[in-house]
Amino acid sequence: MSRINDVGGMAGFPAIVEEPDEPPFHADWEAHVFALNGALIRRGVYNLDEFRDAIERMPAEEYLAASYYERWFAAITTLLVEKGVAVPEELDLPDERDRPHG
C-alpha cells in the first residue's frame, strides 16, 4: 500500500516551481522546527526513520494541505505523544480519538 507521499508517476499535481536563491527557511518558526527536530533526534527521543514514518502516516488531506515544515511539526508532535513525552493537551492538540485517520 502506498502512502500519500509516494506520488511518483501520478498525474494531476501542479509543476514544481523552484525559487531562485531560495532561503533555507521562509520564517523563523521553520528554523525552530528544524532545530527542535535535530535536538530530539540527538537526545534519542526518536530516530530519523520514526520521524519520516510519522510524516508519511499523516492523513492525506492534512499532508497535502501542509507546507514542508508544517509536516515536520506534525510529525514531531505525533512522536512526542506516542513516546509519552507529552500529552495532546500540553501541545494544544485534539485527543487521539478526535483526530482524523487516513
N, C-alpha and C. Protein backbone atom coordinates (compact mmCIF):
# COMPACT_ATOMS: atom_id res chain seq x y z
N MET A 1 0.85 -1.18 0.00
CA MET A 1 0.00 0.00 0.00
C MET A 1 0.89 1.24 0.00
N SER A 2 0.67 2.12 -0.95
CA SER A 2 1.48 3.34 -0.99
C SER A 2 0.85 4.40 -0.09
N ARG A 3 1.68 5.30 0.36
CA ARG A 3 1.23 6.41 1.22
C ARG A 3 1.17 7.67 0.38
N ILE A 4 0.57 8.71 0.95
CA ILE A 4 0.33 9.94 0.21
C ILE A 4 1.63 10.58 -0.28
N ASN A 5 2.73 10.37 0.43
CA ASN A 5 3.98 10.98 0.00
C ASN A 5 4.57 10.29 -1.23
N ASP A 6 4.07 9.10 -1.57
CA ASP A 6 4.58 8.33 -2.70
C ASP A 6 3.73 8.64 -3.94
N VAL A 7 3.98 9.80 -4.54
CA VAL A 7 3.16 10.24 -5.67
C VAL A 7 3.88 10.13 -7.01
N GLY A 8 5.02 9.46 -7.01
CA GLY A 8 5.78 9.32 -8.24
C GLY A 8 4.94 8.71 -9.35
N GLY A 9 4.90 9.37 -10.49
CA GLY A 9 4.16 8.87 -11.64
C GLY A 9 2.68 9.21 -11.64
N MET A 10 2.18 9.82 -10.56
CA MET A 10 0.77 10.19 -10.52
C MET A 10 0.55 11.48 -11.30
N ALA A 11 -0.59 11.57 -11.93
CA ALA A 11 -0.97 12.78 -12.67
C ALA A 11 -1.84 13.67 -11.79
N GLY A 12 -1.94 14.93 -12.18
CA GLY A 12 -2.86 15.84 -11.51
C GLY A 12 -2.21 16.76 -10.50
N PHE A 13 -0.91 16.68 -10.32
CA PHE A 13 -0.24 17.57 -9.40
C PHE A 13 0.39 18.72 -10.19
N PRO A 14 0.41 19.92 -9.60
CA PRO A 14 1.00 21.05 -10.32
C PRO A 14 2.50 20.88 -10.46
N ALA A 15 3.07 21.61 -11.40
CA ALA A 15 4.51 21.59 -11.61
C ALA A 15 5.21 22.15 -10.37
N ILE A 16 6.40 21.67 -10.13
CA ILE A 16 7.21 22.20 -9.04
C ILE A 16 7.89 23.46 -9.53
N VAL A 17 7.69 24.53 -8.78
CA VAL A 17 8.28 25.81 -9.14
C VAL A 17 9.44 26.08 -8.20
N GLU A 18 10.63 26.19 -8.75
CA GLU A 18 11.80 26.47 -7.93
C GLU A 18 11.95 27.97 -7.75
N GLU A 19 12.32 28.36 -6.55
CA GLU A 19 12.56 29.76 -6.22
C GLU A 19 14.04 30.04 -6.41
N PRO A 20 14.41 30.96 -7.28
CA PRO A 20 15.84 31.29 -7.41
C PRO A 20 16.35 31.86 -6.07
N ASP A 21 17.51 31.40 -5.66
CA ASP A 21 18.11 31.88 -4.40
C ASP A 21 17.19 31.69 -3.20
N GLU A 22 16.46 30.59 -3.20
CA GLU A 22 15.51 30.33 -2.11
C GLU A 22 16.24 30.22 -0.78
N PRO A 23 15.74 30.91 0.25
CA PRO A 23 16.38 30.81 1.56
C PRO A 23 16.06 29.45 2.18
N PRO A 24 16.89 28.98 3.12
CA PRO A 24 16.61 27.68 3.73
C PRO A 24 15.30 27.70 4.54
N PHE A 25 14.95 28.86 5.08
CA PHE A 25 13.72 28.99 5.86
C PHE A 25 13.00 30.26 5.41
N HIS A 26 11.68 30.17 5.31
CA HIS A 26 10.88 31.33 4.92
C HIS A 26 10.38 32.11 6.13
N ALA A 27 10.45 31.49 7.31
CA ALA A 27 10.01 32.14 8.54
C ALA A 27 10.82 31.59 9.70
N ASP A 28 10.91 32.36 10.77
CA ASP A 28 11.68 31.93 11.94
C ASP A 28 11.17 30.62 12.52
N TRP A 29 9.84 30.42 12.51
CA TRP A 29 9.31 29.20 13.12
C TRP A 29 9.81 27.96 12.38
N GLU A 30 10.07 28.06 11.09
CA GLU A 30 10.58 26.92 10.35
C GLU A 30 11.97 26.53 10.86
N ALA A 31 12.81 27.51 11.11
CA ALA A 31 14.14 27.25 11.66
C ALA A 31 14.04 26.61 13.04
N HIS A 32 13.07 27.05 13.81
CA HIS A 32 12.87 26.48 15.15
C HIS A 32 12.44 25.02 15.07
N VAL A 33 11.55 24.70 14.14
CA VAL A 33 11.12 23.31 13.95
C VAL A 33 12.30 22.45 13.52
N PHE A 34 13.12 22.96 12.62
CA PHE A 34 14.31 22.25 12.16
C PHE A 34 15.24 21.96 13.34
N ALA A 35 15.50 22.97 14.17
CA ALA A 35 16.38 22.82 15.32
C ALA A 35 15.78 21.87 16.36
N LEU A 36 14.49 21.99 16.61
CA LEU A 36 13.82 21.12 17.57
C LEU A 36 13.92 19.66 17.15
N ASN A 37 13.70 19.39 15.87
CA ASN A 37 13.79 18.02 15.38
C ASN A 37 15.20 17.46 15.58
N GLY A 38 16.20 18.23 15.24
CA GLY A 38 17.57 17.79 15.42
C GLY A 38 17.89 17.50 16.88
N ALA A 39 17.43 18.36 17.77
CA ALA A 39 17.68 18.17 19.20
C ALA A 39 17.00 16.91 19.72
N LEU A 40 15.77 16.68 19.30
CA LEU A 40 15.03 15.49 19.77
C LEU A 40 15.66 14.20 19.24
N ILE A 41 16.15 14.22 18.02
CA ILE A 41 16.83 13.05 17.47
C ILE A 41 18.14 12.82 18.21
N ARG A 42 18.92 13.87 18.43
CA ARG A 42 20.20 13.73 19.14
C ARG A 42 20.00 13.23 20.57
N ARG A 43 18.91 13.63 21.20
CA ARG A 43 18.62 13.19 22.58
C ARG A 43 18.04 11.78 22.63
N GLY A 44 17.75 11.20 21.47
CA GLY A 44 17.25 9.83 21.43
C GLY A 44 15.76 9.70 21.71
N VAL A 45 15.02 10.80 21.60
CA VAL A 45 13.57 10.73 21.82
C VAL A 45 12.93 9.89 20.72
N TYR A 46 13.42 10.05 19.51
CA TYR A 46 13.01 9.23 18.37
C TYR A 46 14.16 9.25 17.37
N ASN A 47 14.05 8.41 16.36
CA ASN A 47 15.12 8.40 15.35
C ASN A 47 14.58 8.89 14.01
N LEU A 48 15.48 9.04 13.06
CA LEU A 48 15.11 9.61 11.77
C LEU A 48 14.08 8.76 11.03
N ASP A 49 14.19 7.44 11.14
CA ASP A 49 13.20 6.57 10.49
C ASP A 49 11.81 6.76 11.10
N GLU A 50 11.74 6.90 12.42
CA GLU A 50 10.45 7.14 13.07
C GLU A 50 9.88 8.49 12.65
N PHE A 51 10.76 9.47 12.53
CA PHE A 51 10.32 10.80 12.10
C PHE A 51 9.74 10.75 10.70
N ARG A 52 10.45 10.13 9.78
CA ARG A 52 9.96 10.01 8.40
C ARG A 52 8.63 9.26 8.36
N ASP A 53 8.53 8.16 9.12
CA ASP A 53 7.30 7.39 9.16
C ASP A 53 6.13 8.22 9.69
N ALA A 54 6.39 9.04 10.70
CA ALA A 54 5.32 9.89 11.25
C ALA A 54 4.81 10.88 10.21
N ILE A 55 5.70 11.41 9.39
CA ILE A 55 5.27 12.30 8.30
C ILE A 55 4.42 11.52 7.32
N GLU A 56 4.88 10.33 6.96
CA GLU A 56 4.20 9.53 5.94
C GLU A 56 2.86 8.99 6.42
N ARG A 57 2.64 8.94 7.73
CA ARG A 57 1.36 8.48 8.28
C ARG A 57 0.31 9.58 8.39
N MET A 58 0.68 10.79 8.05
CA MET A 58 -0.30 11.88 8.12
C MET A 58 -1.48 11.57 7.20
N PRO A 59 -2.70 11.90 7.65
CA PRO A 59 -3.83 11.73 6.74
C PRO A 59 -3.59 12.51 5.45
N ALA A 60 -4.02 11.95 4.34
CA ALA A 60 -3.75 12.53 3.02
C ALA A 60 -4.17 14.00 2.94
N GLU A 61 -5.34 14.33 3.46
CA GLU A 61 -5.82 15.71 3.37
C GLU A 61 -4.89 16.66 4.11
N GLU A 62 -4.44 16.25 5.30
CA GLU A 62 -3.54 17.09 6.09
C GLU A 62 -2.18 17.20 5.41
N TYR A 63 -1.67 16.09 4.90
CA TYR A 63 -0.37 16.08 4.23
C TYR A 63 -0.36 17.04 3.04
N LEU A 64 -1.38 16.95 2.21
CA LEU A 64 -1.43 17.78 1.01
C LEU A 64 -1.65 19.25 1.32
N ALA A 65 -2.33 19.56 2.43
CA ALA A 65 -2.60 20.95 2.79
C ALA A 65 -1.43 21.60 3.53
N ALA A 66 -0.50 20.79 4.03
CA ALA A 66 0.59 21.30 4.87
C ALA A 66 1.82 21.68 4.05
N SER A 67 2.53 22.67 4.56
CA SER A 67 3.82 23.01 3.98
C SER A 67 4.87 22.01 4.47
N TYR A 68 6.06 22.09 3.92
CA TYR A 68 7.14 21.18 4.28
C TYR A 68 7.37 21.15 5.79
N TYR A 69 7.57 22.31 6.40
CA TYR A 69 7.86 22.34 7.82
C TYR A 69 6.61 22.16 8.67
N GLU A 70 5.44 22.40 8.16
CA GLU A 70 4.21 22.03 8.88
C GLU A 70 4.13 20.52 9.02
N ARG A 71 4.57 19.80 8.00
CA ARG A 71 4.62 18.33 8.09
C ARG A 71 5.62 17.90 9.15
N TRP A 72 6.76 18.55 9.18
CA TRP A 72 7.76 18.24 10.20
C TRP A 72 7.16 18.46 11.59
N PHE A 73 6.49 19.60 11.79
CA PHE A 73 5.92 19.91 13.10
C PHE A 73 4.85 18.89 13.48
N ALA A 74 4.03 18.49 12.53
CA ALA A 74 3.01 17.47 12.79
C ALA A 74 3.67 16.16 13.21
N ALA A 75 4.74 15.77 12.54
CA ALA A 75 5.45 14.54 12.89
C ALA A 75 6.05 14.63 14.29
N ILE A 76 6.66 15.76 14.60
CA ILE A 76 7.26 15.95 15.93
C ILE A 76 6.21 15.82 17.01
N THR A 77 5.08 16.51 16.86
CA THR A 77 4.04 16.45 17.90
C THR A 77 3.46 15.04 18.00
N THR A 78 3.28 14.37 16.88
CA THR A 78 2.79 12.99 16.89
C THR A 78 3.74 12.11 17.69
N LEU A 79 5.02 12.22 17.43
CA LEU A 79 6.01 11.37 18.11
C LEU A 79 6.13 11.72 19.58
N LEU A 80 6.04 12.99 19.94
CA LEU A 80 6.10 13.35 21.36
C LEU A 80 4.97 12.70 22.14
N VAL A 81 3.79 12.64 21.53
CA VAL A 81 2.65 11.99 22.19
C VAL A 81 2.85 10.47 22.20
N GLU A 82 3.22 9.89 21.08
CA GLU A 82 3.41 8.44 21.00
C GLU A 82 4.49 7.94 21.94
N LYS A 83 5.53 8.74 22.15
CA LYS A 83 6.65 8.35 23.02
C LYS A 83 6.37 8.67 24.49
N GLY A 84 5.22 9.28 24.78
CA GLY A 84 4.87 9.59 26.16
C GLY A 84 5.61 10.79 26.73
N VAL A 85 6.20 11.59 25.87
CA VAL A 85 6.91 12.79 26.32
C VAL A 85 5.92 13.90 26.66
N ALA A 86 4.81 13.93 25.96
CA ALA A 86 3.78 14.95 26.16
C ALA A 86 2.41 14.33 25.91
N VAL A 87 1.40 15.00 26.41
CA VAL A 87 0.03 14.59 26.13
C VAL A 87 -0.58 15.63 25.20
N PRO A 88 -1.61 15.25 24.44
CA PRO A 88 -2.18 16.20 23.47
C PRO A 88 -2.54 17.55 24.08
N GLU A 89 -3.04 17.56 25.31
CA GLU A 89 -3.43 18.82 25.94
C GLU A 89 -2.24 19.76 26.14
N GLU A 90 -1.07 19.20 26.42
CA GLU A 90 0.12 20.03 26.61
C GLU A 90 0.55 20.68 25.29
N LEU A 91 0.23 20.02 24.21
CA LEU A 91 0.62 20.52 22.90
C LEU A 91 -0.52 21.22 22.19
N ASP A 92 -1.63 21.40 22.91
CA ASP A 92 -2.84 22.02 22.35
C ASP A 92 -3.32 21.26 21.12
N LEU A 93 -3.29 19.92 21.23
CA LEU A 93 -3.73 19.05 20.15
C LEU A 93 -5.04 18.38 20.56
N PRO A 94 -5.85 18.01 19.58
CA PRO A 94 -7.06 17.24 19.92
C PRO A 94 -6.65 15.86 20.44
N ASP A 95 -7.49 15.29 21.28
CA ASP A 95 -7.26 13.93 21.76
C ASP A 95 -7.19 12.99 20.59
N GLU A 96 -6.42 11.92 20.69
CA GLU A 96 -6.25 10.95 19.60
C GLU A 96 -7.59 10.45 19.07
N ARG A 97 -8.57 10.28 19.93
CA ARG A 97 -9.88 9.80 19.49
C ARG A 97 -10.55 10.78 18.56
N ASP A 98 -10.19 12.06 18.65
CA ASP A 98 -10.81 13.10 17.83
C ASP A 98 -10.02 13.39 16.55
N ARG A 99 -8.83 12.80 16.41
CA ARG A 99 -8.01 13.09 15.24
C ARG A 99 -8.47 12.27 14.05
N PRO A 100 -8.45 12.88 12.88
CA PRO A 100 -8.83 12.12 11.67
C PRO A 100 -7.77 11.08 11.36
N HIS A 101 -8.18 9.97 10.81
CA HIS A 101 -7.25 8.91 10.40
C HIS A 101 -7.42 8.68 8.92
N GLY A 102 -6.31 8.49 8.23
CA GLY A 102 -6.38 8.33 6.79
C GLY A 102 -5.84 7.03 6.31
